[in-house]
Amino acid sequence: VADLLSKTSRCTGGLRVREDQQRGFYVEGLRRVPCDSAVQVEQLMEQGTRTRTTAATHMNANSSRSHMLIIIQLKQ
C-alpha cells in the first residue's frame, strides 16, 4: 500500500493496513491533507492519479497496475 501523495512512502516499502476495534480498518501512516476548496481536492486527486503505477499489457498499452482509494472527510 502506498500513499500517492507522499514521495517517501513509496521508497520505504509501503504502508501497513491495520485493524482496530474502534476505527475498523485503516492505513497506518497515511497522510491527511486539509483542503479549503473543491479545486484543491481535484488537484490532489489528479496528483494521485499521475503517481499511480501503470504498465503495458498485451491488451492495453497503458494498463493500470494499481487501485486508488480516495477518502474525503467533510467537516462543517
N, C-alpha and C. Protein backbone atom coordinates (compact mmCIF):
# COMPACT_ATOMS: atom_id res chain seq x y z
N VAL A 1 0.86 -1.17 0.00
CA VAL A 1 0.00 0.00 0.00
C VAL A 1 0.90 1.23 0.00
N ALA A 2 0.62 2.17 -0.89
CA ALA A 2 1.43 3.38 -1.00
C ALA A 2 0.55 4.62 -0.87
N ASP A 3 1.08 5.63 -0.24
CA ASP A 3 0.43 6.94 -0.16
C ASP A 3 0.80 7.68 -1.44
N LEU A 4 -0.14 7.88 -2.33
CA LEU A 4 0.15 8.50 -3.62
C LEU A 4 0.46 9.99 -3.52
N LEU A 5 0.25 10.58 -2.36
CA LEU A 5 0.56 12.00 -2.19
C LEU A 5 1.90 12.21 -1.50
N SER A 6 2.55 11.13 -1.11
CA SER A 6 3.82 11.23 -0.41
C SER A 6 4.91 10.51 -1.20
N LYS A 7 5.99 11.18 -1.48
CA LYS A 7 7.09 10.56 -2.22
C LYS A 7 7.89 9.59 -1.35
N THR A 8 7.93 9.80 -0.03
CA THR A 8 8.75 8.97 0.84
C THR A 8 8.16 7.59 1.08
N SER A 9 6.82 7.45 1.17
CA SER A 9 6.24 6.15 1.50
C SER A 9 6.43 5.15 0.36
N ARG A 10 6.59 5.61 -0.86
CA ARG A 10 6.80 4.71 -1.99
C ARG A 10 8.19 4.08 -1.93
N CYS A 11 9.14 4.79 -1.35
CA CYS A 11 10.51 4.30 -1.29
C CYS A 11 10.77 3.39 -0.10
N THR A 12 9.99 3.48 0.95
CA THR A 12 10.27 2.74 2.17
C THR A 12 9.56 1.38 2.23
N GLY A 13 8.97 0.93 1.16
CA GLY A 13 8.32 -0.37 1.17
C GLY A 13 6.83 -0.32 1.40
N GLY A 14 6.27 0.83 1.51
CA GLY A 14 4.83 0.94 1.61
C GLY A 14 4.31 1.09 3.03
N LEU A 15 3.01 1.21 3.12
CA LEU A 15 2.32 1.40 4.39
C LEU A 15 1.59 0.12 4.77
N ARG A 16 1.26 -0.02 6.03
CA ARG A 16 0.60 -1.23 6.52
C ARG A 16 -0.87 -0.98 6.80
N VAL A 17 -1.70 -1.93 6.43
CA VAL A 17 -3.12 -1.89 6.73
C VAL A 17 -3.31 -2.52 8.10
N ARG A 18 -4.01 -1.83 8.96
CA ARG A 18 -4.24 -2.29 10.34
C ARG A 18 -5.74 -2.40 10.59
N GLU A 19 -6.09 -3.09 11.66
CA GLU A 19 -7.49 -3.17 12.09
C GLU A 19 -7.57 -2.81 13.56
N ASP A 20 -8.57 -1.97 13.88
CA ASP A 20 -8.79 -1.52 15.24
C ASP A 20 -10.26 -1.70 15.56
N GLN A 21 -10.58 -2.07 16.80
CA GLN A 21 -11.99 -2.28 17.17
C GLN A 21 -12.81 -1.01 17.04
N GLN A 22 -12.22 0.13 17.34
CA GLN A 22 -12.94 1.40 17.26
C GLN A 22 -12.99 1.97 15.84
N ARG A 23 -11.84 1.97 15.17
CA ARG A 23 -11.70 2.61 13.86
C ARG A 23 -12.03 1.69 12.69
N GLY A 24 -11.97 0.39 12.91
CA GLY A 24 -12.10 -0.56 11.81
C GLY A 24 -10.77 -0.66 11.09
N PHE A 25 -10.80 -0.90 9.78
CA PHE A 25 -9.57 -0.99 9.01
C PHE A 25 -9.07 0.41 8.68
N TYR A 26 -7.76 0.59 8.73
CA TYR A 26 -7.14 1.87 8.39
C TYR A 26 -5.72 1.63 7.90
N VAL A 27 -5.15 2.62 7.26
CA VAL A 27 -3.78 2.54 6.77
C VAL A 27 -2.90 3.35 7.71
N GLU A 28 -1.94 2.67 8.33
CA GLU A 28 -1.05 3.32 9.29
C GLU A 28 -0.10 4.27 8.58
N GLY A 29 -0.05 5.52 9.03
CA GLY A 29 0.88 6.50 8.47
C GLY A 29 0.38 7.20 7.22
N LEU A 30 -0.87 6.99 6.86
CA LEU A 30 -1.42 7.65 5.67
C LEU A 30 -1.54 9.14 5.91
N ARG A 31 -1.14 9.91 4.93
CA ARG A 31 -1.15 11.38 5.04
C ARG A 31 -2.56 11.92 4.95
N ARG A 32 -2.87 12.92 5.74
CA ARG A 32 -4.14 13.66 5.65
C ARG A 32 -3.80 15.06 5.18
N VAL A 33 -4.48 15.51 4.15
CA VAL A 33 -4.20 16.83 3.58
C VAL A 33 -5.46 17.69 3.69
N PRO A 34 -5.45 18.71 4.56
CA PRO A 34 -6.61 19.60 4.66
C PRO A 34 -6.74 20.45 3.39
N CYS A 35 -7.97 20.62 2.95
CA CYS A 35 -8.25 21.42 1.75
C CYS A 35 -9.33 22.44 2.08
N ASP A 36 -9.24 23.59 1.42
CA ASP A 36 -10.23 24.64 1.63
C ASP A 36 -11.22 24.78 0.49
N SER A 37 -10.98 24.05 -0.62
CA SER A 37 -11.87 24.21 -1.77
C SER A 37 -11.93 22.92 -2.57
N ALA A 38 -12.96 22.83 -3.39
CA ALA A 38 -13.11 21.69 -4.29
C ALA A 38 -11.97 21.64 -5.30
N VAL A 39 -11.44 22.79 -5.67
CA VAL A 39 -10.32 22.85 -6.61
C VAL A 39 -9.09 22.16 -6.03
N GLN A 40 -8.81 22.40 -4.75
CA GLN A 40 -7.68 21.75 -4.09
C GLN A 40 -7.87 20.23 -4.05
N VAL A 41 -9.08 19.79 -3.76
CA VAL A 41 -9.38 18.35 -3.74
C VAL A 41 -9.13 17.75 -5.12
N GLU A 42 -9.60 18.43 -6.14
CA GLU A 42 -9.42 17.97 -7.51
C GLU A 42 -7.94 17.89 -7.89
N GLN A 43 -7.15 18.88 -7.48
CA GLN A 43 -5.71 18.88 -7.77
C GLN A 43 -5.02 17.70 -7.09
N LEU A 44 -5.38 17.40 -5.85
CA LEU A 44 -4.78 16.27 -5.14
C LEU A 44 -5.18 14.94 -5.79
N MET A 45 -6.43 14.84 -6.24
CA MET A 45 -6.86 13.63 -6.93
C MET A 45 -6.09 13.43 -8.23
N GLU A 46 -5.86 14.51 -8.95
CA GLU A 46 -5.07 14.43 -10.18
C GLU A 46 -3.63 14.05 -9.89
N GLN A 47 -3.06 14.58 -8.82
CA GLN A 47 -1.68 14.23 -8.42
C GLN A 47 -1.59 12.74 -8.11
N GLY A 48 -2.56 12.22 -7.37
CA GLY A 48 -2.58 10.80 -7.05
C GLY A 48 -2.71 9.94 -8.29
N THR A 49 -3.54 10.37 -9.23
CA THR A 49 -3.71 9.62 -10.47
C THR A 49 -2.41 9.58 -11.26
N ARG A 50 -1.68 10.68 -11.30
CA ARG A 50 -0.39 10.71 -12.02
C ARG A 50 0.65 9.82 -11.36
N THR A 51 0.56 9.66 -10.04
CA THR A 51 1.55 8.89 -9.29
C THR A 51 1.31 7.38 -9.38
N ARG A 52 0.11 6.97 -9.75
CA ARG A 52 -0.23 5.54 -9.80
C ARG A 52 0.71 4.78 -10.73
N THR A 53 0.89 3.50 -10.45
CA THR A 53 1.73 2.64 -11.27
C THR A 53 0.95 2.13 -12.47
N THR A 54 1.52 2.28 -13.65
CA THR A 54 0.92 1.74 -14.86
C THR A 54 1.99 1.00 -15.65
N ALA A 55 1.56 0.07 -16.48
CA ALA A 55 2.49 -0.69 -17.31
C ALA A 55 1.74 -1.23 -18.52
N ALA A 56 2.46 -1.57 -19.55
CA ALA A 56 1.85 -2.09 -20.77
C ALA A 56 1.50 -3.57 -20.61
N THR A 57 0.38 -3.98 -21.20
CA THR A 57 0.00 -5.39 -21.28
C THR A 57 -0.25 -5.71 -22.74
N HIS A 58 -0.53 -6.96 -23.04
CA HIS A 58 -0.83 -7.34 -24.43
C HIS A 58 -2.13 -6.70 -24.93
N MET A 59 -3.06 -6.46 -24.02
CA MET A 59 -4.37 -5.92 -24.40
C MET A 59 -4.43 -4.39 -24.34
N ASN A 60 -3.57 -3.79 -23.54
CA ASN A 60 -3.69 -2.36 -23.30
C ASN A 60 -2.29 -1.77 -23.09
N ALA A 61 -1.98 -0.73 -23.83
CA ALA A 61 -0.64 -0.12 -23.76
C ALA A 61 -0.41 0.64 -22.46
N ASN A 62 -1.49 1.02 -21.77
CA ASN A 62 -1.34 1.83 -20.55
C ASN A 62 -2.24 1.27 -19.45
N SER A 63 -2.13 0.01 -19.16
CA SER A 63 -2.99 -0.66 -18.19
C SER A 63 -2.61 -0.26 -16.76
N SER A 64 -3.61 -0.11 -15.93
CA SER A 64 -3.36 0.21 -14.53
C SER A 64 -2.88 -1.02 -13.79
N ARG A 65 -1.88 -0.87 -12.95
CA ARG A 65 -1.37 -1.94 -12.11
C ARG A 65 -1.69 -1.65 -10.65
N SER A 66 -2.64 -0.77 -10.43
CA SER A 66 -2.95 -0.41 -9.05
C SER A 66 -4.41 0.01 -8.95
N HIS A 67 -4.87 0.06 -7.73
CA HIS A 67 -6.19 0.61 -7.43
C HIS A 67 -5.96 1.85 -6.58
N MET A 68 -6.84 2.81 -6.72
CA MET A 68 -6.69 4.04 -5.95
C MET A 68 -7.95 4.25 -5.12
N LEU A 69 -7.77 4.50 -3.84
CA LEU A 69 -8.86 4.76 -2.93
C LEU A 69 -8.75 6.21 -2.48
N ILE A 70 -9.83 6.94 -2.63
CA ILE A 70 -9.86 8.34 -2.21
C ILE A 70 -10.85 8.46 -1.06
N ILE A 71 -10.39 8.99 0.06
CA ILE A 71 -11.25 9.18 1.23
C ILE A 71 -11.37 10.69 1.45
N ILE A 72 -12.60 11.16 1.44
CA ILE A 72 -12.84 12.59 1.65
C ILE A 72 -13.67 12.73 2.91
N GLN A 73 -13.14 13.45 3.90
CA GLN A 73 -13.88 13.75 5.13
C GLN A 73 -14.32 15.19 5.08
N LEU A 74 -15.60 15.41 5.26
CA LEU A 74 -16.13 16.78 5.27
C LEU A 74 -16.43 17.17 6.71
N LYS A 75 -15.96 18.34 7.10
CA LYS A 75 -16.25 18.88 8.42
C LYS A 75 -16.94 20.21 8.26
N GLN A 76 -17.95 20.40 9.06
CA GLN A 76 -18.71 21.65 8.99
C GLN A 76 -18.59 22.41 10.28
